[in-house]
Amino acid sequence: MPNPSKRRRERRHRIHARIRQRVRGENGKPRLCVAFTGKHIYAQVIDDTAGKTLTAVATTQAALKGAKPNIAGAAKLGQALAAKASGKGITSVVFDRGGFLYQGKVKAFAEAVRQAGLKF
């Protein structure tokens, strides 16, 4: 019998591949990508047409070092990303949840970004 955690990871990768076929970030409306590991949360705003990351934040950065990879940490990271993005003139994005279900950390991150002013 296959390892259950391996099956979950493979399922998430399949879902993410399907999402990426539909979700594209453009110059006027870049893609907001979020990723979670056991220890950290990473988020970046990407212009897919140019293939460039416009801005990024992670719990590994000094300013967010105390943020844990939980719901509160995801909300703190979302606020930080929205502030950084609005400083670069980004007002609307396309949200790429990375194959994760829209609940818990993903939902807290998305709501914090919306409350801080980004539209998606």
C-alpha atoms as a PDB file:
ATOM      1  CA  MET A   1       0.000   0.000   0.000  1.00  0.00           C
ATOM      2  CA  PRO A   2       1.423   3.417  -0.974  1.00  0.00           C
ATOM      3  CA  ASN A   3       2.395   5.940   1.653  1.00  0.00           C
ATOM      4  CA  PRO A   4      -0.631   8.199   2.421  1.00  0.00           C
ATOM      5  CA  SER A   5       1.443  11.371   2.674  1.00  0.00           C
ATOM      6  CA  LYS A   6       3.044  10.621  -0.687  1.00  0.00           C
ATOM      7  CA  ARG A   7      -0.412  10.156  -2.237  1.00  0.00           C
ATOM      8  CA  ARG A   8      -1.593  13.476  -0.798  1.00  0.00           C
ATOM      9  CA  ARG A   9       1.499  15.259  -2.143  1.00  0.00           C
ATOM     10  CA  GLU A  10       1.063  13.710  -5.599  1.00  0.00           C
ATOM     11  CA  ARG A  11      -2.625  14.643  -5.601  1.00  0.00           C
ATOM     12  CA  ARG A  12      -1.757  18.252  -4.705  1.00  0.00           C
ATOM     13  CA  HIS A  13       0.777  18.373  -7.543  1.00  0.00           C
ATOM     14  CA  ARG A  14      -1.839  17.120 -10.022  1.00  0.00           C
ATOM     15  CA  ILE A  15      -4.325  19.746  -8.816  1.00  0.00           C
ATOM     16  CA  HIS A  16      -1.658  22.442  -9.053  1.00  0.00           C
ATOM     17  CA  ALA A  17      -0.839  21.439 -12.632  1.00  0.00           C
ATOM     18  CA  ARG A  18      -4.532  21.771 -13.556  1.00  0.00           C
ATOM     19  CA  ILE A  19      -4.755  25.168 -11.877  1.00  0.00           C
ATOM     20  CA  ARG A  20      -1.629  26.436 -13.669  1.00  0.00           C
ATOM     21  CA  GLN A  21      -3.172  25.584 -17.040  1.00  0.00           C
ATOM     22  CA  ARG A  22      -5.930  28.114 -16.336  1.00  0.00           C
ATOM     23  CA  VAL A  23      -4.276  30.709 -14.099  1.00  0.00           C
ATOM     24  CA  ARG A  24      -1.900  33.102 -15.863  1.00  0.00           C
ATOM     25  CA  GLY A  25      -0.383  36.263 -14.469  1.00  0.00           C
ATOM     26  CA  GLU A  26      -0.026  39.186 -16.864  1.00  0.00           C
ATOM     27  CA  ASN A  27       1.540  42.602 -16.591  1.00  0.00           C
ATOM     28  CA  GLY A  28      -1.738  44.296 -15.628  1.00  0.00           C
ATOM     29  CA  LYS A  29      -2.856  41.491 -13.333  1.00  0.00           C
ATOM     30  CA  PRO A  30       0.040  39.342 -12.031  1.00  0.00           C
ATOM     31  CA  ARG A  31      -0.281  35.962 -10.326  1.00  0.00           C
ATOM     32  CA  LEU A  32      -0.125  35.710  -6.535  1.00  0.00           C
ATOM     33  CA  CYS A  33       1.405  32.337  -5.718  1.00  0.00           C
ATOM     34  CA  VAL A  34       1.516  30.887  -2.203  1.00  0.00           C
ATOM     35  CA  ALA A  35       3.431  27.833  -0.962  1.00  0.00           C
ATOM     36  CA  PHE A  36       3.586  26.145   2.421  1.00  0.00           C
ATOM     37  CA  THR A  37       6.146  23.832   3.963  1.00  0.00           C
ATOM     38  CA  GLY A  38       6.280  22.395   7.435  1.00  0.00           C
ATOM     39  CA  LYS A  39       8.419  25.262   8.710  1.00  0.00           C
ATOM     40  CA  HIS A  40       7.789  28.246   6.435  1.00  0.00           C
ATOM     41  CA  ILE A  41       5.310  30.056   4.196  1.00  0.00           C
ATOM     42  CA  TYR A  42       6.347  31.638   0.894  1.00  0.00           C
ATOM     43  CA  ALA A  43       4.370  34.018  -1.307  1.00  0.00           C
ATOM     44  CA  GLN A  44       5.272  35.878  -4.465  1.00  0.00           C
ATOM     45  CA  VAL A  45       3.655  38.047  -7.109  1.00  0.00           C
ATOM     46  CA  ILE A  46       4.710  36.853 -10.569  1.00  0.00           C
ATOM     47  CA  ASP A  47       4.386  38.327 -14.059  1.00  0.00           C
ATOM     48  CA  ASP A  48       4.173  35.157 -16.179  1.00  0.00           C
ATOM     49  CA  THR A  49       4.477  36.919 -19.525  1.00  0.00           C
ATOM     50  CA  ALA A  50       7.880  38.360 -18.584  1.00  0.00           C
ATOM     51  CA  GLY A  51       8.782  35.409 -16.369  1.00  0.00           C
ATOM     52  CA  LYS A  52       9.728  37.682 -13.470  1.00  0.00           C
ATOM     53  CA  THR A  53       8.909  37.818  -9.794  1.00  0.00           C
ATOM     54  CA  LEU A  54       7.659  41.306  -8.995  1.00  0.00           C
ATOM     55  CA  THR A  55       7.704  40.983  -5.217  1.00  0.00           C
ATOM     56  CA  ALA A  56       8.006  38.201  -2.667  1.00  0.00           C
ATOM     57  CA  VAL A  57       7.786  37.602   1.071  1.00  0.00           C
ATOM     58  CA  ALA A  58       8.526  34.581   3.238  1.00  0.00           C
ATOM     59  CA  THR A  59       8.673  33.704   6.901  1.00  0.00           C
ATOM     60  CA  THR A  60      12.416  33.205   6.411  1.00  0.00           C
ATOM     61  CA  GLN A  61      12.919  36.977   6.016  1.00  0.00           C
ATOM     62  CA  ALA A  62      14.182  38.953   8.991  1.00  0.00           C
ATOM     63  CA  ALA A  63      11.056  41.155   9.234  1.00  0.00           C
ATOM     64  CA  LEU A  64       8.777  38.095   9.446  1.00  0.00           C
ATOM     65  CA  LYS A  65      11.126  35.784  11.343  1.00  0.00           C
ATOM     66  CA  GLY A  66       8.716  35.290  14.261  1.00  0.00           C
ATOM     67  CA  ALA A  67       5.780  34.277  12.048  1.00  0.00           C
ATOM     68  CA  LYS A  68       4.994  30.595  12.370  1.00  0.00           C
ATOM     69  CA  PRO A  69       3.556  28.485   9.526  1.00  0.00           C
ATOM     70  CA  ASN A  70       0.044  28.569  10.989  1.00  0.00           C
ATOM     71  CA  ILE A  71      -3.126  30.573  10.373  1.00  0.00           C
ATOM     72  CA  ALA A  72      -1.873  33.633  12.271  1.00  0.00           C
ATOM     73  CA  GLY A  73       1.461  33.521  10.451  1.00  0.00           C
ATOM     74  CA  ALA A  74      -0.303  33.220   7.098  1.00  0.00           C
ATOM     75  CA  ALA A  75      -2.411  36.293   7.892  1.00  0.00           C
ATOM     76  CA  LYS A  76       0.697  38.259   8.929  1.00  0.00           C
ATOM     77  CA  LEU A  77       2.464  37.222   5.708  1.00  0.00           C
ATOM     78  CA  GLY A  78      -0.579  38.217   3.638  1.00  0.00           C
ATOM     79  CA  GLN A  79      -0.603  41.712   5.122  1.00  0.00           C
ATOM     80  CA  ALA A  80       3.140  42.084   4.505  1.00  0.00           C
ATOM     81  CA  LEU A  81       2.816  40.961   0.879  1.00  0.00           C
ATOM     82  CA  ALA A  82      -0.090  43.292   0.199  1.00  0.00           C
ATOM     83  CA  ALA A  83       1.832  46.238   1.637  1.00  0.00           C
ATOM     84  CA  LYS A  84       4.878  45.399  -0.464  1.00  0.00           C
ATOM     85  CA  ALA A  85       2.780  44.913  -3.621  1.00  0.00           C
ATOM     86  CA  SER A  86       0.841  48.146  -3.179  1.00  0.00           C
ATOM     87  CA  GLY A  87       4.173  49.934  -2.747  1.00  0.00           C
ATOM     88  CA  LYS A  88       5.098  48.718  -6.237  1.00  0.00           C
ATOM     89  CA  GLY A  89       1.768  49.878  -7.702  1.00  0.00           C
ATOM     90  CA  ILE A  90       0.077  46.457  -7.885  1.00  0.00           C
ATOM     91  CA  THR A  91      -3.645  46.700  -7.098  1.00  0.00           C
ATOM     92  CA  SER A  92      -5.143  43.478  -8.477  1.00  0.00           C
ATOM     93  CA  VAL A  93      -3.809  39.940  -8.829  1.00  0.00           C
ATOM     94  CA  VAL A  94      -4.860  36.444  -9.841  1.00  0.00           C
ATOM     95  CA  PHE A  95      -4.707  34.086  -6.845  1.00  0.00           C
ATOM     96  CA  ASP A  96      -2.868  30.773  -7.326  1.00  0.00           C
ATOM     97  CA  ARG A  97      -3.500  28.600  -4.276  1.00  0.00           C
ATOM     98  CA  GLY A  98      -0.863  26.104  -5.395  1.00  0.00           C
ATOM     99  CA  GLY A  99      -3.059  23.020  -5.269  1.00  0.00           C
ATOM    100  CA  PHE A 100      -3.873  23.543  -1.591  1.00  0.00           C
ATOM    101  CA  LEU A 101      -7.514  23.517  -0.514  1.00  0.00           C
ATOM    102  CA  TYR A 102      -9.051  26.934   0.126  1.00  0.00           C
ATOM    103  CA  GLN A 103      -9.279  26.540   3.890  1.00  0.00           C
ATOM    104  CA  GLY A 104      -7.154  27.167   6.949  1.00  0.00           C
ATOM    105  CA  LYS A 105      -3.834  28.847   6.115  1.00  0.00           C
ATOM    106  CA  VAL A 106      -4.703  29.493   2.477  1.00  0.00           C
ATOM    107  CA  LYS A 107      -7.986  31.144   3.391  1.00  0.00           C
ATOM    108  CA  ALA A 108      -6.381  33.236   6.166  1.00  0.00           C
ATOM    109  CA  PHE A 109      -3.643  34.362   3.763  1.00  0.00           C
ATOM    110  CA  ALA A 110      -6.138  35.286   1.023  1.00  0.00           C
ATOM    111  CA  GLU A 111      -8.433  37.201   3.380  1.00  0.00           C
ATOM    112  CA  ALA A 112      -5.501  39.139   4.874  1.00  0.00           C
ATOM    113  CA  VAL A 113      -4.346  40.120   1.380  1.00  0.00           C
ATOM    114  CA  ARG A 114      -7.860  41.267   0.474  1.00  0.00           C
ATOM    115  CA  GLN A 115      -8.246  43.264   3.696  1.00  0.00           C
ATOM    116  CA  ALA A 116      -4.914  44.956   3.051  1.00  0.00           C
ATOM    117  CA  GLY A 117      -6.149  46.213  -0.316  1.00  0.00           C
ATOM    118  CA  LEU A 118      -5.275  43.782  -3.122  1.00  0.00           C
ATOM    119  CA  LYS A 119      -8.177  42.678  -5.322  1.00  0.00           C
ATOM    120  CA  PHE A 120      -8.731  39.174  -6.703  1.00  0.00           C
END
